[in-house]
Amino acid sequence: MDALTHLQILLYRIVASLPLLFVFGLGAAIGSFLNVVIYRLPQDLSLIHPPSRCPHCSHRLGPSENIPIWGWIRLKGRCKSCRASISPRYPLVELATALVFVLIVAIAGWSWTAVGYGVLFSWLLALALIDFDTQTLPNPLTQSGLLLGLGFQAILGFLESQGAIAGTIQGLMGGVIGAVLGIWLLGTIGLLGSVALGKAAMGGGDAKLAAMMGAWLGWKLLLLSLFLAALGGAVVGSIGIWIGLLQRQQRIPFGPFLALGAAMSALWGGGLIALYQSFFWTTT
């Protein structure tokens, strides 16, 4: 193979990787904004003003300091002005969002589904981390996420039916059914748990998050999401108690498990349901 052929192959690989590099960069930039949402929204602070700054000395970040991931690395994790430590969670959220966006495109391809899931996963990540930090799920996020989910289902119905009104309505109704089922199931479980335990077993925000998930995913994937969330919560809780990190009566936020269950269902739910059905019908 001559040098010209090697060069052609290299150029082809570079050009082929450019779209995914763009997706990675877009995800990192959105992750940077999610950091702002996660920090400011629970405190009822503006998401726009003031611009990004050091929480210790209020030093306003310059353009080079604001570059996702790289800005933190370049500053070696410290404020340029006061040298206070900057949490590594900021670049980790940016990196995680970037990688998730690439994964979505790798699985869903260049489609409206990938665009929608990019929005859904952004909401899920913000809600999961806010719940982890504050044990709250802000209404502005769950409510706006629910409306966006219904819009997503209507658009998918419109596209899949090639512009038929009936398909649009069917898609929208699928989202509505999922949302109603989500808030009803989690609300009922929370009520029964509270009666059984004599104290609040689940926050009202969990039911609203489940409604949002149902709007995006429909009732089948919602049920799978809830099962995965419950399984994940049970495993993590049991391991935490076993190694001494958690107390038996200690309350842990359920939002991160719901978000993880929804993400897994969105990406692999169809395959998991098909696997379950094949096993069920084979064994019966």
Protein backbone atom coordinates (compact mmCIF):
# COMPACT_ATOMS: atom_id res chain seq x y z
CA MET A 1 0.00 0.00 0.00
CA ASP A 2 1.58 3.26 -1.12
CA ALA A 3 1.76 6.55 0.76
CA LEU A 4 -1.09 8.09 -1.26
CA THR A 5 -3.44 5.26 -0.30
CA HIS A 6 -2.49 5.64 3.38
CA LEU A 7 -3.23 9.37 3.14
CA GLN A 8 -6.60 8.73 1.50
CA ILE A 9 -7.58 6.27 4.23
CA LEU A 10 -6.49 8.73 6.94
CA LEU A 11 -8.47 11.56 5.36
CA TYR A 12 -11.52 9.34 5.03
CA ARG A 13 -11.35 8.38 8.71
CA ILE A 14 -10.98 12.01 9.73
CA VAL A 15 -13.94 13.11 7.62
CA ALA A 16 -16.02 10.16 8.85
CA SER A 17 -15.34 11.06 12.47
CA LEU A 18 -16.24 14.74 12.13
CA PRO A 19 -20.01 14.27 12.70
CA LEU A 20 -19.40 12.32 15.92
CA LEU A 21 -16.85 14.90 17.04
CA PHE A 22 -19.50 17.55 16.51
CA VAL A 23 -21.98 15.49 18.57
CA PHE A 24 -19.36 15.08 21.30
CA GLY A 25 -18.70 18.82 21.37
CA LEU A 26 -22.41 19.62 21.40
CA GLY A 27 -22.95 17.20 24.26
CA ALA A 28 -20.09 18.71 26.25
CA ALA A 29 -21.50 22.22 25.74
CA ILE A 30 -24.96 21.11 26.85
CA GLY A 31 -23.36 19.37 29.83
CA SER A 32 -21.75 22.68 30.75
CA PHE A 33 -25.17 24.35 30.78
CA LEU A 34 -26.61 21.45 32.77
CA ASN A 35 -24.03 22.20 35.45
CA VAL A 36 -25.53 25.68 35.70
CA VAL A 37 -29.06 24.27 35.90
CA ILE A 38 -28.07 21.73 38.57
CA TYR A 39 -26.39 24.36 40.73
CA ARG A 40 -28.76 27.31 40.30
CA LEU A 41 -32.27 25.95 39.80
CA PRO A 42 -32.70 24.49 43.33
CA GLN A 43 -31.66 27.90 44.71
CA ASP A 44 -34.14 29.78 42.48
CA LEU A 45 -31.27 31.64 40.80
CA SER A 46 -31.32 32.92 37.24
CA LEU A 47 -29.85 30.49 34.71
CA ILE A 48 -28.59 33.37 32.57
CA HIS A 49 -27.41 36.15 34.87
CA PRO A 50 -24.80 36.51 36.17
CA PRO A 51 -22.52 34.65 33.72
CA SER A 52 -20.48 31.67 34.94
CA ARG A 53 -18.19 32.63 37.80
CA CYS A 54 -16.18 31.17 40.65
CA PRO A 55 -18.50 30.43 43.62
CA HIS A 56 -15.71 31.42 46.04
CA CYS A 57 -14.44 34.78 44.76
CA SER A 58 -17.07 35.57 42.06
CA HIS A 59 -14.34 35.76 39.39
CA ARG A 60 -16.09 35.78 36.01
CA LEU A 61 -14.84 32.96 33.80
CA GLY A 62 -13.20 34.03 30.56
CA PRO A 63 -13.82 32.35 27.19
CA SER A 64 -10.89 29.93 27.54
CA GLU A 65 -11.95 29.01 31.08
CA ASN A 66 -15.47 28.24 29.88
CA ILE A 67 -14.44 25.62 27.31
CA PRO A 68 -16.14 22.40 28.42
CA ILE A 69 -13.81 19.77 29.91
CA TRP A 70 -10.66 21.45 28.60
CA GLY A 71 -11.19 24.60 30.66
CA TRP A 72 -11.08 22.61 33.91
CA ILE A 73 -8.03 20.63 32.76
CA ARG A 74 -6.21 23.79 31.67
CA LEU A 75 -6.86 25.39 35.07
CA LYS A 76 -5.80 22.17 36.83
CA GLY A 77 -9.05 22.19 38.74
CA ARG A 78 -8.47 25.56 40.41
CA CYS A 79 -9.87 29.06 40.01
CA LYS A 80 -7.55 31.30 38.00
CA SER A 81 -8.11 34.18 40.42
CA CYS A 82 -8.31 32.78 43.98
CA ARG A 83 -6.89 29.28 43.31
CA ALA A 84 -9.82 27.67 45.12
CA SER A 85 -10.52 24.09 44.14
CA ILE A 86 -13.15 23.53 41.43
CA SER A 87 -15.14 20.32 41.82
CA PRO A 88 -14.22 17.64 39.27
CA ARG A 89 -17.93 16.93 38.92
CA TYR A 90 -18.21 19.82 36.45
CA PRO A 91 -16.00 18.26 33.76
CA LEU A 92 -17.37 14.81 34.57
CA VAL A 93 -20.93 15.97 33.85
CA GLU A 94 -19.73 17.55 30.60
CA LEU A 95 -17.86 14.38 29.61
CA ALA A 96 -20.78 12.14 30.56
CA THR A 97 -23.22 14.23 28.52
CA ALA A 98 -20.88 14.21 25.54
CA LEU A 99 -20.44 10.43 25.67
CA VAL A 100 -24.17 9.86 26.11
CA PHE A 101 -24.91 11.98 23.05
CA VAL A 102 -22.45 9.93 21.00
CA LEU A 103 -24.03 6.71 22.32
CA ILE A 104 -27.51 7.93 21.36
CA VAL A 105 -26.40 8.63 17.79
CA ALA A 106 -24.58 5.30 17.63
CA ILE A 107 -27.77 3.45 18.62
CA ALA A 108 -30.57 5.59 17.14
CA GLY A 109 -28.65 6.93 14.13
CA TRP A 110 -29.18 10.36 12.62
CA SER A 111 -32.88 10.59 13.36
CA TRP A 112 -35.51 12.64 15.13
CA THR A 113 -35.52 9.94 17.79
CA ALA A 114 -31.86 10.73 18.52
CA VAL A 115 -32.67 14.44 18.79
CA GLY A 116 -35.55 13.71 21.16
CA TYR A 117 -33.49 11.38 23.30
CA GLY A 118 -30.78 14.01 23.54
CA VAL A 119 -33.36 16.33 25.11
CA LEU A 120 -34.77 13.57 27.34
CA PHE A 121 -31.35 12.50 28.62
CA SER A 122 -30.40 16.10 29.37
CA TRP A 123 -33.52 16.47 31.53
CA LEU A 124 -32.90 13.11 33.21
CA LEU A 125 -29.29 13.94 34.06
CA ALA A 126 -30.19 17.32 35.53
CA LEU A 127 -33.05 15.85 37.59
CA ALA A 128 -30.95 12.91 38.82
CA LEU A 129 -28.13 15.10 40.09
CA ILE A 130 -30.47 17.69 41.64
CA ASP A 131 -32.29 14.91 43.47
CA PHE A 132 -28.96 13.45 44.58
CA ASP A 133 -27.85 16.83 45.93
CA THR A 134 -31.08 18.14 47.45
CA GLN A 135 -33.59 15.23 47.45
CA THR A 136 -35.95 17.40 45.41
CA LEU A 137 -37.18 17.21 41.83
CA PRO A 138 -38.03 20.76 40.70
CA ASN A 139 -41.45 21.23 39.11
CA PRO A 140 -40.10 23.44 36.29
CA LEU A 141 -38.02 20.51 35.02
CA THR A 142 -40.55 17.71 35.43
CA GLN A 143 -43.41 19.77 34.01
CA SER A 144 -41.49 21.12 31.03
CA GLY A 145 -40.07 17.63 30.43
CA LEU A 146 -43.58 16.18 30.39
CA LEU A 147 -44.79 18.72 27.81
CA LEU A 148 -41.73 18.11 25.66
CA GLY A 149 -42.34 14.36 25.89
CA LEU A 150 -45.92 14.74 24.67
CA GLY A 151 -44.66 16.92 21.82
CA PHE A 152 -42.05 14.29 20.98
CA GLN A 153 -44.67 11.55 20.81
CA ALA A 154 -46.90 13.68 18.60
CA ILE A 155 -44.00 14.42 16.21
CA LEU A 156 -43.04 10.73 16.05
CA GLY A 157 -46.64 9.80 15.33
CA PHE A 158 -46.78 12.44 12.60
CA LEU A 159 -43.56 11.20 10.98
CA GLU A 160 -44.33 7.49 11.27
CA SER A 161 -47.79 7.99 9.72
CA GLN A 162 -46.32 10.19 6.97
CA GLY A 163 -48.21 13.25 8.06
CA ALA A 164 -51.55 11.71 8.96
CA ILE A 165 -53.50 13.52 11.65
CA ALA A 166 -54.65 10.18 13.07
CA GLY A 167 -51.02 9.11 13.57
CA THR A 168 -50.22 12.37 15.33
CA ILE A 169 -53.18 11.97 17.68
CA GLN A 170 -52.29 8.33 18.31
CA GLY A 171 -48.73 9.26 19.22
CA LEU A 172 -49.93 12.04 21.52
CA MET A 173 -52.43 9.75 23.23
CA GLY A 174 -49.69 7.16 23.77
CA GLY A 175 -47.72 9.81 25.63
CA VAL A 176 -50.77 10.89 27.64
CA ILE A 177 -51.51 7.30 28.68
CA GLY A 178 -47.88 6.80 29.73
CA ALA A 179 -47.89 10.03 31.74
CA VAL A 180 -51.15 9.21 33.54
CA LEU A 181 -49.97 5.69 34.30
CA GLY A 182 -46.66 6.98 35.62
CA ILE A 183 -48.09 9.50 38.06
CA TRP A 184 -50.83 7.08 39.12
CA LEU A 185 -48.48 4.16 39.78
CA LEU A 186 -45.85 6.11 41.71
CA GLY A 187 -48.49 8.11 43.56
CA THR A 188 -50.28 4.92 44.63
CA ILE A 189 -47.04 3.19 45.65
CA GLY A 190 -45.99 6.26 47.62
CA LEU A 191 -49.37 6.43 49.39
CA LEU A 192 -49.41 2.73 50.30
CA GLY A 193 -45.81 2.89 51.46
CA SER A 194 -46.54 5.90 53.65
CA VAL A 195 -49.50 4.12 55.26
CA ALA A 196 -47.46 0.98 55.86
CA LEU A 197 -44.41 2.80 57.27
CA GLY A 198 -46.26 5.56 59.09
CA LYS A 199 -44.15 8.21 57.35
CA ALA A 200 -43.56 9.58 53.85
CA ALA A 201 -42.19 6.73 51.75
CA MET A 202 -41.72 8.64 48.50
CA GLY A 203 -41.62 12.28 47.50
CA GLY A 204 -44.27 13.76 45.23
CA GLY A 205 -41.56 14.67 42.72
CA ASP A 206 -40.93 10.98 41.97
CA ALA A 207 -44.49 10.56 40.67
CA LYS A 208 -44.09 13.68 38.51
CA LEU A 209 -40.81 12.34 37.13
CA ALA A 210 -42.54 9.03 36.34
CA ALA A 211 -45.24 10.97 34.49
CA MET A 212 -42.55 12.72 32.47
CA MET A 213 -40.93 9.38 31.68
CA GLY A 214 -44.26 7.94 30.57
CA ALA A 215 -44.85 10.88 28.26
CA TRP A 216 -41.53 10.26 26.52
CA LEU A 217 -41.46 6.46 26.50
CA GLY A 218 -45.05 5.23 26.47
CA TRP A 219 -46.57 2.80 28.94
CA LYS A 220 -44.57 -0.33 28.02
CA LEU A 221 -41.15 1.25 28.38
CA LEU A 222 -42.37 3.13 31.45
CA LEU A 223 -43.14 -0.16 33.21
CA LEU A 224 -39.71 -1.48 32.26
CA SER A 225 -38.14 1.74 33.54
CA LEU A 226 -39.89 1.42 36.91
CA PHE A 227 -38.82 -2.21 37.22
CA LEU A 228 -35.18 -1.34 36.46
CA ALA A 229 -35.32 1.61 38.87
CA ALA A 230 -36.71 -0.54 41.68
CA LEU A 231 -34.15 -3.25 40.99
CA GLY A 232 -31.30 -0.73 40.93
CA GLY A 233 -32.48 0.94 44.12
CA ALA A 234 -32.78 -2.40 45.92
CA VAL A 235 -29.32 -3.55 44.84
CA VAL A 236 -27.59 -0.28 45.68
CA GLY A 237 -29.45 0.04 48.98
CA SER A 238 -28.60 -3.53 50.01
CA ILE A 239 -24.94 -3.14 49.11
CA GLY A 240 -24.79 0.24 50.88
CA ILE A 241 -26.21 -1.26 54.07
CA TRP A 242 -23.95 -4.32 53.80
CA ILE A 243 -20.74 -2.27 53.55
CA GLY A 244 -21.90 0.25 56.14
CA LEU A 245 -22.38 3.32 53.94
CA LEU A 246 -26.14 3.43 54.55
CA GLN A 247 -28.36 2.93 57.58
CA ARG A 248 -31.45 0.73 57.33
CA GLN A 249 -33.84 3.64 57.87
CA GLN A 250 -31.81 6.09 55.82
CA ARG A 251 -33.69 7.67 52.96
CA ILE A 252 -31.97 7.66 49.58
CA PRO A 253 -33.17 9.66 46.56
CA PHE A 254 -35.09 7.55 44.05
CA GLY A 255 -34.83 10.07 41.20
CA PRO A 256 -31.39 8.90 40.01
CA PHE A 257 -32.65 5.31 39.75
CA LEU A 258 -35.74 6.42 37.85
CA ALA A 259 -33.56 8.42 35.47
CA LEU A 260 -31.21 5.48 34.94
CA GLY A 261 -34.12 3.12 34.34
CA ALA A 262 -35.62 5.51 31.79
CA ALA A 263 -32.28 5.91 30.00
CA MET A 264 -31.73 2.16 29.77
CA SER A 265 -35.28 1.60 28.55
CA ALA A 266 -34.98 4.31 25.91
CA LEU A 267 -31.80 2.81 24.47
CA TRP A 268 -32.30 -0.93 24.96
CA GLY A 269 -35.90 -1.32 26.09
CA GLY A 270 -37.16 -2.87 22.87
CA GLY A 271 -34.51 -5.59 23.01
CA LEU A 272 -35.08 -6.24 26.73
CA ILE A 273 -38.84 -6.59 26.24
CA ALA A 274 -38.34 -8.90 23.25
CA LEU A 275 -35.90 -11.00 25.29
CA TYR A 276 -38.38 -11.25 28.15
CA GLN A 277 -41.23 -12.19 25.81
CA SER A 278 -39.18 -14.86 24.07
CA PHE A 279 -38.17 -16.35 27.42
CA PHE A 280 -41.73 -16.13 28.78
CA TRP A 281 -43.36 -17.79 25.78
CA THR A 282 -40.61 -20.41 25.57
CA THR A 283 -40.93 -21.40 29.21
CA THR A 284 -44.72 -21.47 29.19
